[in-house]
Amino acid sequence: MGRVEGRGDGEGRRFEEEPAWFHSRVRDGYLVQAKADPERWLVVDGILPQEQVEEIIWRRVEPLVK
């Protein structure tokens, strides 16, 4: 993962080191985009079992690769 720039102190932090509020704002921004353009975005509940997540993603991707 890359560093998050733009702090003004010359130092970046790793993305995963950012505080929870930062990740919440990033998530909210993506959800706004997904709601505005659902044909382009796919929101998947990461709490679902891995097999179910794979199935949801594959159903969306398979027509694009055929």
PDB file of N, CA and C in Angstrom:
ATOM      1  N   MET A   1       0.840  -1.170   0.000  1.00  0.00           N
ATOM      2  CA  MET A   1       0.000   0.000   0.000  1.00  0.00           C
ATOM      3  C   MET A   1       0.879   1.224   0.000  1.00  0.00           C
ATOM      4  N   GLY A   2       0.418   2.277  -0.608  1.00  0.00           N
ATOM      5  CA  GLY A   2       1.216   3.488  -0.697  1.00  0.00           C
ATOM      6  C   GLY A   2       1.062   4.389   0.510  1.00  0.00           C
ATOM      7  N   ARG A   3       1.753   5.489   0.416  1.00  0.00           N
ATOM      8  CA  ARG A   3       1.714   6.477   1.494  1.00  0.00           C
ATOM      9  C   ARG A   3       0.649   7.523   1.182  1.00  0.00           C
ATOM     10  N   VAL A   4       0.079   8.091   2.219  1.00  0.00           N
ATOM     11  CA  VAL A   4      -0.900   9.149   2.071  1.00  0.00           C
ATOM     12  C   VAL A   4      -0.149  10.466   2.150  1.00  0.00           C
ATOM     13  N   GLU A   5      -0.235  11.248   1.087  1.00  0.00           N
ATOM     14  CA  GLU A   5       0.518  12.495   1.003  1.00  0.00           C
ATOM     15  C   GLU A   5      -0.386  13.676   1.341  1.00  0.00           C
ATOM     16  N   GLY A   6       0.203  14.847   1.311  1.00  0.00           N
ATOM     17  CA  GLY A   6      -0.574  16.061   1.469  1.00  0.00           C
ATOM     18  C   GLY A   6      -0.796  16.483   2.905  1.00  0.00           C
ATOM     19  N   ARG A   7       0.038  16.060   3.817  1.00  0.00           N
ATOM     20  CA  ARG A   7      -0.113  16.421   5.214  1.00  0.00           C
ATOM     21  C   ARG A   7       0.492  17.784   5.510  1.00  0.00           C
ATOM     22  N   GLY A   8       1.407  18.246   4.673  1.00  0.00           N
ATOM     23  CA  GLY A   8       2.045  19.517   4.916  1.00  0.00           C
ATOM     24  C   GLY A   8       3.275  19.412   5.800  1.00  0.00           C
ATOM     25  N   ASP A   9       3.503  18.270   6.417  1.00  0.00           N
ATOM     26  CA  ASP A   9       4.668  18.109   7.285  1.00  0.00           C
ATOM     27  C   ASP A   9       5.790  17.350   6.590  1.00  0.00           C
ATOM     28  N   GLY A  10       5.590  17.035   5.294  1.00  0.00           N
ATOM     29  CA  GLY A  10       6.619  16.345   4.541  1.00  0.00           C
ATOM     30  C   GLY A  10       6.643  14.838   4.773  1.00  0.00           C
ATOM     31  N   GLU A  11       5.856  14.377   5.686  1.00  0.00           N
ATOM     32  CA  GLU A  11       5.833  12.946   5.993  1.00  0.00           C
ATOM     33  C   GLU A  11       4.477  12.362   5.607  1.00  0.00           C
ATOM     34  N   GLY A  12       4.512  11.214   4.969  1.00  0.00           N
ATOM     35  CA  GLY A  12       3.287  10.496   4.664  1.00  0.00           C
ATOM     36  C   GLY A  12       3.176   9.286   5.566  1.00  0.00           C
ATOM     37  N   ARG A  13       1.968   8.845   5.777  1.00  0.00           N
ATOM     38  CA  ARG A  13       1.747   7.624   6.554  1.00  0.00           C
ATOM     39  C   ARG A  13       1.207   6.564   5.621  1.00  0.00           C
ATOM     40  N   ARG A  14       1.435   5.349   5.986  1.00  0.00           N
ATOM     41  CA  ARG A  14       0.832   4.263   5.230  1.00  0.00           C
ATOM     42  C   ARG A  14      -0.678   4.357   5.357  1.00  0.00           C
ATOM     43  N   PHE A  15      -1.366   4.010   4.288  1.00  0.00           N
ATOM     44  CA  PHE A  15      -2.827   4.096   4.239  1.00  0.00           C
ATOM     45  C   PHE A  15      -3.465   3.371   5.421  1.00  0.00           C
ATOM     46  N   GLU A  16      -2.945   2.180   5.731  1.00  0.00           N
ATOM     47  CA  GLU A  16      -3.570   1.408   6.808  1.00  0.00           C
ATOM     48  C   GLU A  16      -3.277   1.969   8.198  1.00  0.00           C
ATOM     49  N   GLU A  17      -2.386   2.936   8.294  1.00  0.00           N
ATOM     50  CA  GLU A  17      -2.081   3.570   9.576  1.00  0.00           C
ATOM     51  C   GLU A  17      -2.980   4.776   9.847  1.00  0.00           C
ATOM     52  N   GLU A  18      -3.783   5.151   8.880  1.00  0.00           N
ATOM     53  CA  GLU A  18      -4.674   6.290   9.051  1.00  0.00           C
ATOM     54  C   GLU A  18      -5.751   5.960  10.087  1.00  0.00           C
ATOM     55  N   PRO A  19      -6.254   6.981  10.778  1.00  0.00           N
ATOM     56  CA  PRO A  19      -7.281   6.751  11.806  1.00  0.00           C
ATOM     57  C   PRO A  19      -8.616   6.314  11.196  1.00  0.00           C
ATOM     58  N   ALA A  20      -9.469   5.774  12.029  1.00  0.00           N
ATOM     59  CA  ALA A  20     -10.763   5.239  11.584  1.00  0.00           C
ATOM     60  C   ALA A  20     -11.602   6.294  10.876  1.00  0.00           C
ATOM     61  N   TRP A  21     -11.570   7.558  11.358  1.00  0.00           N
ATOM     62  CA  TRP A  21     -12.393   8.594  10.723  1.00  0.00           C
ATOM     63  C   TRP A  21     -11.981   8.782   9.266  1.00  0.00           C
ATOM     64  N   PHE A  22     -10.693   8.647   8.965  1.00  0.00           N
ATOM     65  CA  PHE A  22     -10.199   8.795   7.601  1.00  0.00           C
ATOM     66  C   PHE A  22     -10.798   7.701   6.707  1.00  0.00           C
ATOM     67  N   HIS A  23     -10.729   6.458   7.176  1.00  0.00           N
ATOM     68  CA  HIS A  23     -11.259   5.332   6.393  1.00  0.00           C
ATOM     69  C   HIS A  23     -12.769   5.455   6.221  1.00  0.00           C
ATOM     70  N   SER A  24     -13.445   5.960   7.234  1.00  0.00           N
ATOM     71  CA  SER A  24     -14.886   6.157   7.151  1.00  0.00           C
ATOM     72  C   SER A  24     -15.233   7.187   6.079  1.00  0.00           C
ATOM     73  N   ARG A  25     -14.465   8.274   6.009  1.00  0.00           N
ATOM     74  CA  ARG A  25     -14.711   9.300   4.988  1.00  0.00           C
ATOM     75  C   ARG A  25     -14.429   8.776   3.585  1.00  0.00           C
ATOM     76  N   VAL A  26     -13.372   7.986   3.446  1.00  0.00           N
ATOM     77  CA  VAL A  26     -13.059   7.394   2.137  1.00  0.00           C
ATOM     78  C   VAL A  26     -14.195   6.465   1.715  1.00  0.00           C
ATOM     79  N   ARG A  27     -14.637   5.610   2.635  1.00  0.00           N
ATOM     80  CA  ARG A  27     -15.733   4.677   2.349  1.00  0.00           C
ATOM     81  C   ARG A  27     -16.992   5.442   1.943  1.00  0.00           C
ATOM     82  N   ASP A  28     -17.331   6.468   2.718  1.00  0.00           N
ATOM     83  CA  ASP A  28     -18.519   7.259   2.411  1.00  0.00           C
ATOM     84  C   ASP A  28     -18.434   7.871   1.013  1.00  0.00           C
ATOM     85  N   GLY A  29     -17.251   8.327   0.640  1.00  0.00           N
ATOM     86  CA  GLY A  29     -17.074   8.893  -0.697  1.00  0.00           C
ATOM     87  C   GLY A  29     -17.319   7.870  -1.796  1.00  0.00           C
ATOM     88  N   TYR A  30     -16.818   6.663  -1.591  1.00  0.00           N
ATOM     89  CA  TYR A  30     -17.059   5.604  -2.578  1.00  0.00           C
ATOM     90  C   TYR A  30     -18.531   5.215  -2.621  1.00  0.00           C
ATOM     91  N   LEU A  31     -19.199   5.169  -1.475  1.00  0.00           N
ATOM     92  CA  LEU A  31     -20.620   4.805  -1.458  1.00  0.00           C
ATOM     93  C   LEU A  31     -21.473   5.850  -2.171  1.00  0.00           C
ATOM     94  N   VAL A  32     -21.104   7.117  -2.065  1.00  0.00           N
ATOM     95  CA  VAL A  32     -21.816   8.180  -2.791  1.00  0.00           C
ATOM     96  C   VAL A  32     -21.679   7.933  -4.292  1.00  0.00           C
ATOM     97  N   GLN A  33     -20.477   7.614  -4.741  1.00  0.00           N
ATOM     98  CA  GLN A  33     -20.257   7.348  -6.165  1.00  0.00           C
ATOM     99  C   GLN A  33     -21.030   6.110  -6.615  1.00  0.00           C
ATOM    100  N   ALA A  34     -21.035   5.080  -5.787  1.00  0.00           N
ATOM    101  CA  ALA A  34     -21.738   3.843  -6.137  1.00  0.00           C
ATOM    102  C   ALA A  34     -23.245   4.077  -6.252  1.00  0.00           C
ATOM    103  N   LYS A  35     -23.781   4.884  -5.359  1.00  0.00           N
ATOM    104  CA  LYS A  35     -25.214   5.176  -5.412  1.00  0.00           C
ATOM    105  C   LYS A  35     -25.561   5.999  -6.647  1.00  0.00           C
ATOM    106  N   ALA A  36     -24.688   6.908  -7.026  1.00  0.00           N
ATOM    107  CA  ALA A  36     -24.928   7.768  -8.187  1.00  0.00           C
ATOM    108  C   ALA A  36     -24.800   7.022  -9.506  1.00  0.00           C
ATOM    109  N   ASP A  37     -24.004   5.956  -9.540  1.00  0.00           N
ATOM    110  CA  ASP A  37     -23.747   5.231 -10.788  1.00  0.00           C
ATOM    111  C   ASP A  37     -23.638   3.733 -10.523  1.00  0.00           C
ATOM    112  N   PRO A  38     -24.752   3.090 -10.160  1.00  0.00           N
ATOM    113  CA  PRO A  38     -24.710   1.670  -9.773  1.00  0.00           C
ATOM    114  C   PRO A  38     -24.315   0.707 -10.895  1.00  0.00           C
ATOM    115  N   GLU A  39     -24.432   1.152 -12.141  1.00  0.00           N
ATOM    116  CA  GLU A  39     -24.002   0.287 -13.238  1.00  0.00           C
ATOM    117  C   GLU A  39     -22.482   0.194 -13.304  1.00  0.00           C
ATOM    118  N   ARG A  40     -21.815   1.188 -12.790  1.00  0.00           N
ATOM    119  CA  ARG A  40     -20.353   1.231 -12.846  1.00  0.00           C
ATOM    120  C   ARG A  40     -19.711   0.665 -11.591  1.00  0.00           C
ATOM    121  N   TRP A  41     -20.388   0.760 -10.460  1.00  0.00           N
ATOM    122  CA  TRP A  41     -19.847   0.354  -9.165  1.00  0.00           C
ATOM    123  C   TRP A  41     -20.577  -0.873  -8.635  1.00  0.00           C
ATOM    124  N   LEU A  42     -19.863  -1.701  -7.926  1.00  0.00           N
ATOM    125  CA  LEU A  42     -20.442  -2.860  -7.254  1.00  0.00           C
ATOM    126  C   LEU A  42     -20.027  -2.798  -5.792  1.00  0.00           C
ATOM    127  N   VAL A  43     -21.011  -2.740  -4.919  1.00  0.00           N
ATOM    128  CA  VAL A  43     -20.747  -2.723  -3.482  1.00  0.00           C
ATOM    129  C   VAL A  43     -21.013  -4.125  -2.957  1.00  0.00           C
ATOM    130  N   VAL A  44     -20.008  -4.706  -2.321  1.00  0.00           N
ATOM    131  CA  VAL A  44     -20.109  -6.064  -1.805  1.00  0.00           C
ATOM    132  C   VAL A  44     -19.881  -6.034  -0.299  1.00  0.00           C
ATOM    133  N   ASP A  45     -20.752  -6.692   0.434  1.00  0.00           N
ATOM    134  CA  ASP A  45     -20.615  -6.779   1.891  1.00  0.00           C
ATOM    135  C   ASP A  45     -19.476  -7.734   2.222  1.00  0.00           C
ATOM    136  N   GLY A  46     -18.385  -7.193   2.715  1.00  0.00           N
ATOM    137  CA  GLY A  46     -17.205  -8.002   3.021  1.00  0.00           C
ATOM    138  C   GLY A  46     -17.367  -8.928   4.208  1.00  0.00           C
ATOM    139  N   ILE A  47     -18.481  -8.829   4.904  1.00  0.00           N
ATOM    140  CA  ILE A  47     -18.737  -9.723   6.039  1.00  0.00           C
ATOM    141  C   ILE A  47     -19.287 -11.064   5.564  1.00  0.00           C
ATOM    142  N   LEU A  48     -19.796 -11.098   4.342  1.00  0.00           N
ATOM    143  CA  LEU A  48     -20.331 -12.341   3.791  1.00  0.00           C
ATOM    144  C   LEU A  48     -19.224 -13.386   3.693  1.00  0.00           C
ATOM    145  N   PRO A  49     -19.610 -14.670   3.679  1.00  0.00           N
ATOM    146  CA  PRO A  49     -18.601 -15.725   3.486  1.00  0.00           C
ATOM    147  C   PRO A  49     -17.859 -15.538   2.161  1.00  0.00           C
ATOM    148  N   GLN A  50     -16.602 -15.940   2.141  1.00  0.00           N
ATOM    149  CA  GLN A  50     -15.756 -15.749   0.968  1.00  0.00           C
ATOM    150  C   GLN A  50     -16.403 -16.295  -0.296  1.00  0.00           C
ATOM    151  N   GLU A  51     -16.992 -17.460  -0.219  1.00  0.00           N
ATOM    152  CA  GLU A  51     -17.601 -18.071  -1.404  1.00  0.00           C
ATOM    153  C   GLU A  51     -18.725 -17.205  -1.957  1.00  0.00           C
ATOM    154  N   GLN A  52     -19.491 -16.596  -1.070  1.00  0.00           N
ATOM    155  CA  GLN A  52     -20.589 -15.742  -1.506  1.00  0.00           C
ATOM    156  C   GLN A  52     -20.060 -14.450  -2.134  1.00  0.00           C
ATOM    157  N   VAL A  53     -19.020 -13.889  -1.555  1.00  0.00           N
ATOM    158  CA  VAL A  53     -18.393 -12.691  -2.127  1.00  0.00           C
ATOM    159  C   VAL A  53     -17.876 -13.007  -3.527  1.00  0.00           C
ATOM    160  N   GLU A  54     -17.201 -14.132  -3.666  1.00  0.00           N
ATOM    161  CA  GLU A  54     -16.682 -14.542  -4.979  1.00  0.00           C
ATOM    162  C   GLU A  54     -17.810 -14.673  -5.991  1.00  0.00           C
ATOM    163  N   GLU A  55     -18.917 -15.278  -5.583  1.00  0.00           N
ATOM    164  CA  GLU A  55     -20.052 -15.489  -6.485  1.00  0.00           C
ATOM    165  C   GLU A  55     -20.647 -14.151  -6.941  1.00  0.00           C
ATOM    166  N   ILE A  56     -20.819 -13.223  -6.011  1.00  0.00           N
ATOM    167  CA  ILE A  56     -21.375 -11.904  -6.339  1.00  0.00           C
ATOM    168  C   ILE A  56     -20.466 -11.192  -7.340  1.00  0.00           C
ATOM    169  N   ILE A  57     -19.187 -11.213  -7.079  1.00  0.00           N
ATOM    170  CA  ILE A  57     -18.227 -10.537  -7.972  1.00  0.00           C
ATOM    171  C   ILE A  57     -18.203 -11.216  -9.334  1.00  0.00           C
ATOM    172  N   TRP A  58     -18.154 -12.530  -9.351  1.00  0.00           N
ATOM    173  CA  TRP A  58     -18.077 -13.244 -10.629  1.00  0.00           C
ATOM    174  C   TRP A  58     -19.319 -13.003 -11.475  1.00  0.00           C
ATOM    175  N   ARG A  59     -20.502 -12.949 -10.843  1.00  0.00           N
ATOM    176  CA  ARG A  59     -21.735 -12.667 -11.603  1.00  0.00           C
ATOM    177  C   ARG A  59     -21.636 -11.323 -12.312  1.00  0.00           C
ATOM    178  N   ARG A  60     -20.964 -10.370 -11.709  1.00  0.00           N
ATOM    179  CA  ARG A  60     -20.828  -9.035 -12.305  1.00  0.00           C
ATOM    180  C   ARG A  60     -19.721  -9.012 -13.372  1.00  0.00           C
ATOM    181  N   VAL A  61     -18.642  -9.752 -13.136  1.00  0.00           N
ATOM    182  CA  VAL A  61     -17.489  -9.696 -14.032  1.00  0.00           C
ATOM    183  C   VAL A  61     -17.623 -10.635 -15.226  1.00  0.00           C
ATOM    184  N   GLU A  62     -18.205 -11.786 -15.026  1.00  0.00           N
ATOM    185  CA  GLU A  62     -18.261 -12.792 -16.091  1.00  0.00           C
ATOM    186  C   GLU A  62     -18.797 -12.262 -17.419  1.00  0.00           C
ATOM    187  N   PRO A  63     -19.896 -11.526 -17.445  1.00  0.00           N
ATOM    188  CA  PRO A  63     -20.370 -11.018 -18.750  1.00  0.00           C
ATOM    189  C   PRO A  63     -19.378 -10.060 -19.408  1.00  0.00           C
ATOM    190  N   LEU A  64     -18.534  -9.448 -18.635  1.00  0.00           N
ATOM    191  CA  LEU A  64     -17.585  -8.488 -19.191  1.00  0.00           C
ATOM    192  C   LEU A  64     -16.384  -9.169 -19.839  1.00  0.00           C
ATOM    193  N   VAL A  65     -16.098 -10.390 -19.421  1.00  0.00           N
ATOM    194  CA  VAL A  65     -14.923 -11.082 -19.961  1.00  0.00           C
ATOM    195  C   VAL A  65     -15.286 -12.099 -21.030  1.00  0.00           C
ATOM    196  N   LYS A  66     -16.551 -12.269 -21.303  1.00  0.00           N
ATOM    197  CA  LYS A  66     -16.962 -13.219 -22.345  1.00  0.00           C
ATOM    198  C   LYS A  66     -16.905 -12.587 -23.707  1.00  0.00           C
TER     199      LYS A  66
END
